[in-house]
N, C-alpha and C. Protein backbone atom coordinates (compact mmCIF):
# COMPACT_ATOMS: atom_id res chain seq x y z
N MET A 1 0.81 -1.19 0.00
CA MET A 1 0.00 0.00 0.00
C MET A 1 0.86 1.26 0.00
N GLY A 2 2.16 1.10 -0.07
CA GLY A 2 3.03 2.26 -0.12
C GLY A 2 3.31 2.88 1.23
N LEU A 3 3.08 2.12 2.31
CA LEU A 3 3.30 2.64 3.65
C LEU A 3 4.51 1.97 4.29
N PRO A 4 5.31 2.71 5.03
CA PRO A 4 6.46 2.11 5.72
C PRO A 4 5.99 1.20 6.85
N VAL A 5 6.78 0.18 7.16
CA VAL A 5 6.36 -0.86 8.09
C VAL A 5 7.32 -0.96 9.26
N LEU A 6 6.76 -1.18 10.45
CA LEU A 6 7.49 -1.62 11.62
C LEU A 6 6.72 -2.83 12.12
N ALA A 7 7.36 -4.01 12.11
CA ALA A 7 6.63 -5.24 12.42
C ALA A 7 7.56 -6.27 13.04
N THR A 8 6.96 -7.29 13.63
CA THR A 8 7.74 -8.44 14.04
C THR A 8 8.04 -9.26 12.79
N ASP A 9 9.03 -10.11 12.86
CA ASP A 9 9.47 -10.87 11.69
C ASP A 9 8.68 -12.17 11.58
N ALA A 10 7.47 -12.06 11.03
CA ALA A 10 6.61 -13.23 10.83
C ALA A 10 6.43 -13.45 9.33
N GLY A 11 6.37 -14.71 8.94
CA GLY A 11 6.19 -15.01 7.51
C GLY A 11 7.33 -14.42 6.70
N ASP A 12 6.98 -13.78 5.60
CA ASP A 12 7.98 -13.17 4.70
C ASP A 12 8.20 -11.69 4.96
N ILE A 13 7.69 -11.17 6.07
CA ILE A 13 7.81 -9.73 6.32
C ILE A 13 9.26 -9.29 6.36
N GLY A 14 10.09 -9.98 7.12
CA GLY A 14 11.51 -9.61 7.21
C GLY A 14 12.20 -9.67 5.86
N LEU A 15 11.93 -10.71 5.10
CA LEU A 15 12.53 -10.88 3.77
C LEU A 15 12.12 -9.72 2.85
N VAL A 16 10.84 -9.41 2.83
CA VAL A 16 10.35 -8.34 1.95
C VAL A 16 10.92 -6.99 2.37
N LEU A 17 10.94 -6.73 3.67
CA LEU A 17 11.47 -5.44 4.13
C LEU A 17 12.97 -5.33 3.84
N GLU A 18 13.67 -6.42 3.96
CA GLU A 18 15.11 -6.40 3.63
C GLU A 18 15.32 -6.12 2.15
N GLU A 19 14.52 -6.76 1.30
CA GLU A 19 14.66 -6.57 -0.14
C GLU A 19 14.28 -5.17 -0.59
N CYS A 20 13.17 -4.65 -0.09
CA CYS A 20 12.69 -3.36 -0.59
C CYS A 20 13.05 -2.19 0.31
N GLN A 21 13.56 -2.46 1.49
CA GLN A 21 13.99 -1.42 2.43
C GLN A 21 12.86 -0.47 2.80
N ALA A 22 11.65 -1.00 2.91
CA ALA A 22 10.47 -0.18 3.18
C ALA A 22 10.07 -0.20 4.65
N GLY A 23 10.95 -0.65 5.51
CA GLY A 23 10.63 -0.67 6.93
C GLY A 23 11.62 -1.50 7.71
N LEU A 24 11.21 -1.83 8.91
CA LEU A 24 12.12 -2.45 9.86
C LEU A 24 11.37 -3.51 10.65
N THR A 25 12.07 -4.57 11.04
CA THR A 25 11.46 -5.57 11.92
C THR A 25 12.01 -5.38 13.33
N VAL A 26 11.17 -5.71 14.31
CA VAL A 26 11.57 -5.69 15.71
C VAL A 26 12.28 -7.00 15.98
N PRO A 27 13.52 -6.95 16.47
CA PRO A 27 14.31 -8.17 16.58
C PRO A 27 13.85 -9.15 17.66
N GLU A 28 13.22 -8.67 18.73
CA GLU A 28 12.83 -9.56 19.83
C GLU A 28 11.36 -9.34 20.16
N ILE A 29 10.57 -10.36 19.98
CA ILE A 29 9.14 -10.27 20.32
C ILE A 29 9.01 -10.29 21.84
N GLY A 30 8.20 -9.40 22.37
CA GLY A 30 7.94 -9.37 23.80
C GLY A 30 8.97 -8.61 24.61
N ASP A 31 9.93 -7.97 23.97
CA ASP A 31 10.96 -7.20 24.67
C ASP A 31 10.68 -5.72 24.44
N PRO A 32 10.12 -5.03 25.44
CA PRO A 32 9.77 -3.63 25.26
C PRO A 32 10.97 -2.75 24.89
N ASP A 33 12.14 -3.05 25.42
CA ASP A 33 13.32 -2.25 25.10
C ASP A 33 13.72 -2.43 23.64
N ALA A 34 13.64 -3.66 23.14
CA ALA A 34 13.95 -3.91 21.74
C ALA A 34 12.93 -3.22 20.84
N PHE A 35 11.67 -3.25 21.24
CA PHE A 35 10.64 -2.57 20.45
C PHE A 35 10.88 -1.07 20.43
N GLU A 36 11.19 -0.50 21.58
CA GLU A 36 11.45 0.94 21.64
C GLU A 36 12.64 1.33 20.79
N ALA A 37 13.71 0.56 20.85
CA ALA A 37 14.91 0.86 20.04
C ALA A 37 14.58 0.76 18.56
N ALA A 38 13.84 -0.28 18.17
CA ALA A 38 13.47 -0.44 16.76
C ALA A 38 12.57 0.71 16.32
N TYR A 39 11.63 1.10 17.18
CA TYR A 39 10.73 2.20 16.85
C TYR A 39 11.51 3.51 16.65
N GLU A 40 12.43 3.78 17.54
CA GLU A 40 13.22 5.01 17.43
C GLU A 40 14.04 5.03 16.13
N LYS A 41 14.65 3.90 15.78
CA LYS A 41 15.40 3.84 14.53
C LYS A 41 14.46 4.00 13.34
N TRP A 42 13.31 3.31 13.37
CA TRP A 42 12.32 3.40 12.30
C TRP A 42 11.84 4.84 12.14
N ARG A 43 11.52 5.49 13.26
CA ARG A 43 11.03 6.86 13.21
C ARG A 43 12.09 7.82 12.66
N LYS A 44 13.35 7.62 13.06
CA LYS A 44 14.44 8.47 12.57
C LYS A 44 14.60 8.33 11.06
N ASP A 45 14.42 7.12 10.55
CA ASP A 45 14.61 6.84 9.12
C ASP A 45 13.29 6.82 8.35
N LEU A 46 12.23 7.32 8.94
CA LEU A 46 10.91 7.26 8.32
C LEU A 46 10.84 7.87 6.92
N PRO A 47 11.48 9.01 6.65
CA PRO A 47 11.42 9.53 5.27
C PRO A 47 12.00 8.54 4.24
N PHE A 48 13.10 7.88 4.60
CA PHE A 48 13.71 6.89 3.71
C PHE A 48 12.75 5.72 3.50
N TYR A 49 12.23 5.16 4.61
CA TYR A 49 11.32 4.02 4.51
C TYR A 49 10.06 4.38 3.73
N SER A 50 9.56 5.59 3.93
CA SER A 50 8.35 6.03 3.21
C SER A 50 8.60 6.07 1.71
N ALA A 51 9.74 6.64 1.31
CA ALA A 51 10.06 6.72 -0.12
C ALA A 51 10.22 5.32 -0.71
N LYS A 52 10.92 4.45 -0.02
CA LYS A 52 11.11 3.08 -0.51
C LYS A 52 9.78 2.32 -0.58
N ALA A 53 8.91 2.55 0.40
CA ALA A 53 7.60 1.88 0.39
C ALA A 53 6.79 2.31 -0.82
N ARG A 54 6.80 3.58 -1.13
CA ARG A 54 6.07 4.06 -2.31
C ARG A 54 6.67 3.47 -3.58
N GLN A 55 8.00 3.41 -3.66
CA GLN A 55 8.67 2.85 -4.84
C GLN A 55 8.33 1.37 -5.03
N SER A 56 8.23 0.63 -3.96
CA SER A 56 8.07 -0.83 -4.02
C SER A 56 6.62 -1.29 -4.01
N SER A 57 5.70 -0.39 -3.81
CA SER A 57 4.31 -0.74 -3.60
C SER A 57 3.73 -1.65 -4.68
N ALA A 58 3.87 -1.27 -5.93
CA ALA A 58 3.27 -2.06 -7.02
C ALA A 58 3.88 -3.47 -7.08
N GLU A 59 5.18 -3.57 -6.92
CA GLU A 59 5.84 -4.88 -6.99
C GLU A 59 5.41 -5.77 -5.82
N ILE A 60 5.32 -5.21 -4.65
CA ILE A 60 4.90 -6.01 -3.48
C ILE A 60 3.46 -6.47 -3.65
N ARG A 61 2.57 -5.60 -4.12
CA ARG A 61 1.17 -6.01 -4.36
C ARG A 61 1.11 -7.11 -5.41
N ARG A 62 1.92 -7.01 -6.46
CA ARG A 62 1.93 -8.04 -7.49
C ARG A 62 2.44 -9.36 -6.91
N ARG A 63 3.53 -9.27 -6.17
CA ARG A 63 4.18 -10.46 -5.62
C ARG A 63 3.27 -11.24 -4.67
N PHE A 64 2.44 -10.54 -3.92
CA PHE A 64 1.59 -11.18 -2.93
C PHE A 64 0.11 -11.15 -3.30
N SER A 65 -0.18 -10.90 -4.57
CA SER A 65 -1.57 -10.89 -5.01
C SER A 65 -2.14 -12.30 -4.95
N SER A 66 -3.46 -12.39 -4.88
CA SER A 66 -4.09 -13.71 -4.85
C SER A 66 -3.80 -14.49 -6.13
N GLU A 67 -3.69 -13.78 -7.26
CA GLU A 67 -3.38 -14.46 -8.52
C GLU A 67 -1.98 -15.07 -8.50
N THR A 68 -1.01 -14.31 -8.02
CA THR A 68 0.37 -14.82 -7.96
C THR A 68 0.47 -16.00 -7.01
N ILE A 69 -0.14 -15.88 -5.83
CA ILE A 69 -0.08 -16.96 -4.85
C ILE A 69 -0.80 -18.20 -5.39
N ALA A 70 -1.95 -18.01 -6.04
CA ALA A 70 -2.68 -19.14 -6.62
C ALA A 70 -1.83 -19.85 -7.68
N GLU A 71 -1.13 -19.08 -8.51
CA GLU A 71 -0.24 -19.68 -9.52
C GLU A 71 0.86 -20.49 -8.86
N GLN A 72 1.43 -19.96 -7.79
CA GLN A 72 2.49 -20.68 -7.08
C GLN A 72 1.98 -21.99 -6.49
N TYR A 73 0.78 -21.96 -5.90
CA TYR A 73 0.19 -23.20 -5.38
C TYR A 73 -0.07 -24.19 -6.52
N ALA A 74 -0.63 -23.72 -7.60
CA ALA A 74 -0.93 -24.61 -8.73
C ALA A 74 0.35 -25.24 -9.27
N ASP A 75 1.40 -24.43 -9.44
CA ASP A 75 2.68 -24.96 -9.91
C ASP A 75 3.23 -26.00 -8.94
N SER A 76 3.13 -25.72 -7.65
CA SER A 76 3.63 -26.65 -6.64
C SER A 76 2.89 -27.99 -6.70
N TRP A 77 1.55 -27.93 -6.80
CA TRP A 77 0.77 -29.15 -6.89
C TRP A 77 1.07 -29.91 -8.18
N GLU A 78 1.22 -29.20 -9.28
CA GLU A 78 1.55 -29.85 -10.57
C GLU A 78 2.89 -30.57 -10.47
N ARG A 79 3.90 -29.92 -9.90
CA ARG A 79 5.21 -30.57 -9.74
C ARG A 79 5.11 -31.79 -8.86
N ALA A 80 4.37 -31.67 -7.75
CA ALA A 80 4.22 -32.80 -6.83
C ALA A 80 3.52 -33.97 -7.51
N MET A 81 2.46 -33.69 -8.25
CA MET A 81 1.72 -34.77 -8.92
C MET A 81 2.58 -35.43 -10.00
N THR A 82 3.38 -34.64 -10.71
CA THR A 82 4.25 -35.19 -11.75
C THR A 82 5.36 -36.03 -11.13
N GLU A 83 5.95 -35.50 -10.07
CA GLU A 83 7.08 -36.19 -9.44
C GLU A 83 6.65 -37.46 -8.70
N PHE A 84 5.51 -37.44 -8.06
CA PHE A 84 5.12 -38.57 -7.20
C PHE A 84 3.99 -39.41 -7.78
N ALA A 85 3.61 -39.18 -9.03
CA ALA A 85 2.52 -39.96 -9.63
C ALA A 85 3.02 -41.26 -10.20
């Protein structure tokens, strides 16, 4: 959506943020000090993350669209059926 992110590293969030530089992950879940440090760094770099988020928005939406994910599942099932049939 073109918005900078501060999140825990669940699923592909860390990978996507590392690739597109559109935000930051909190390194330790449940650690208020780690969250505060991550927030302060994120807030300091917010103009950078905002610009990168806007730049990457279309690609991220395409990459995680229902059509793209459905194609990946279909390809995976086709490979499995071919390999193990």
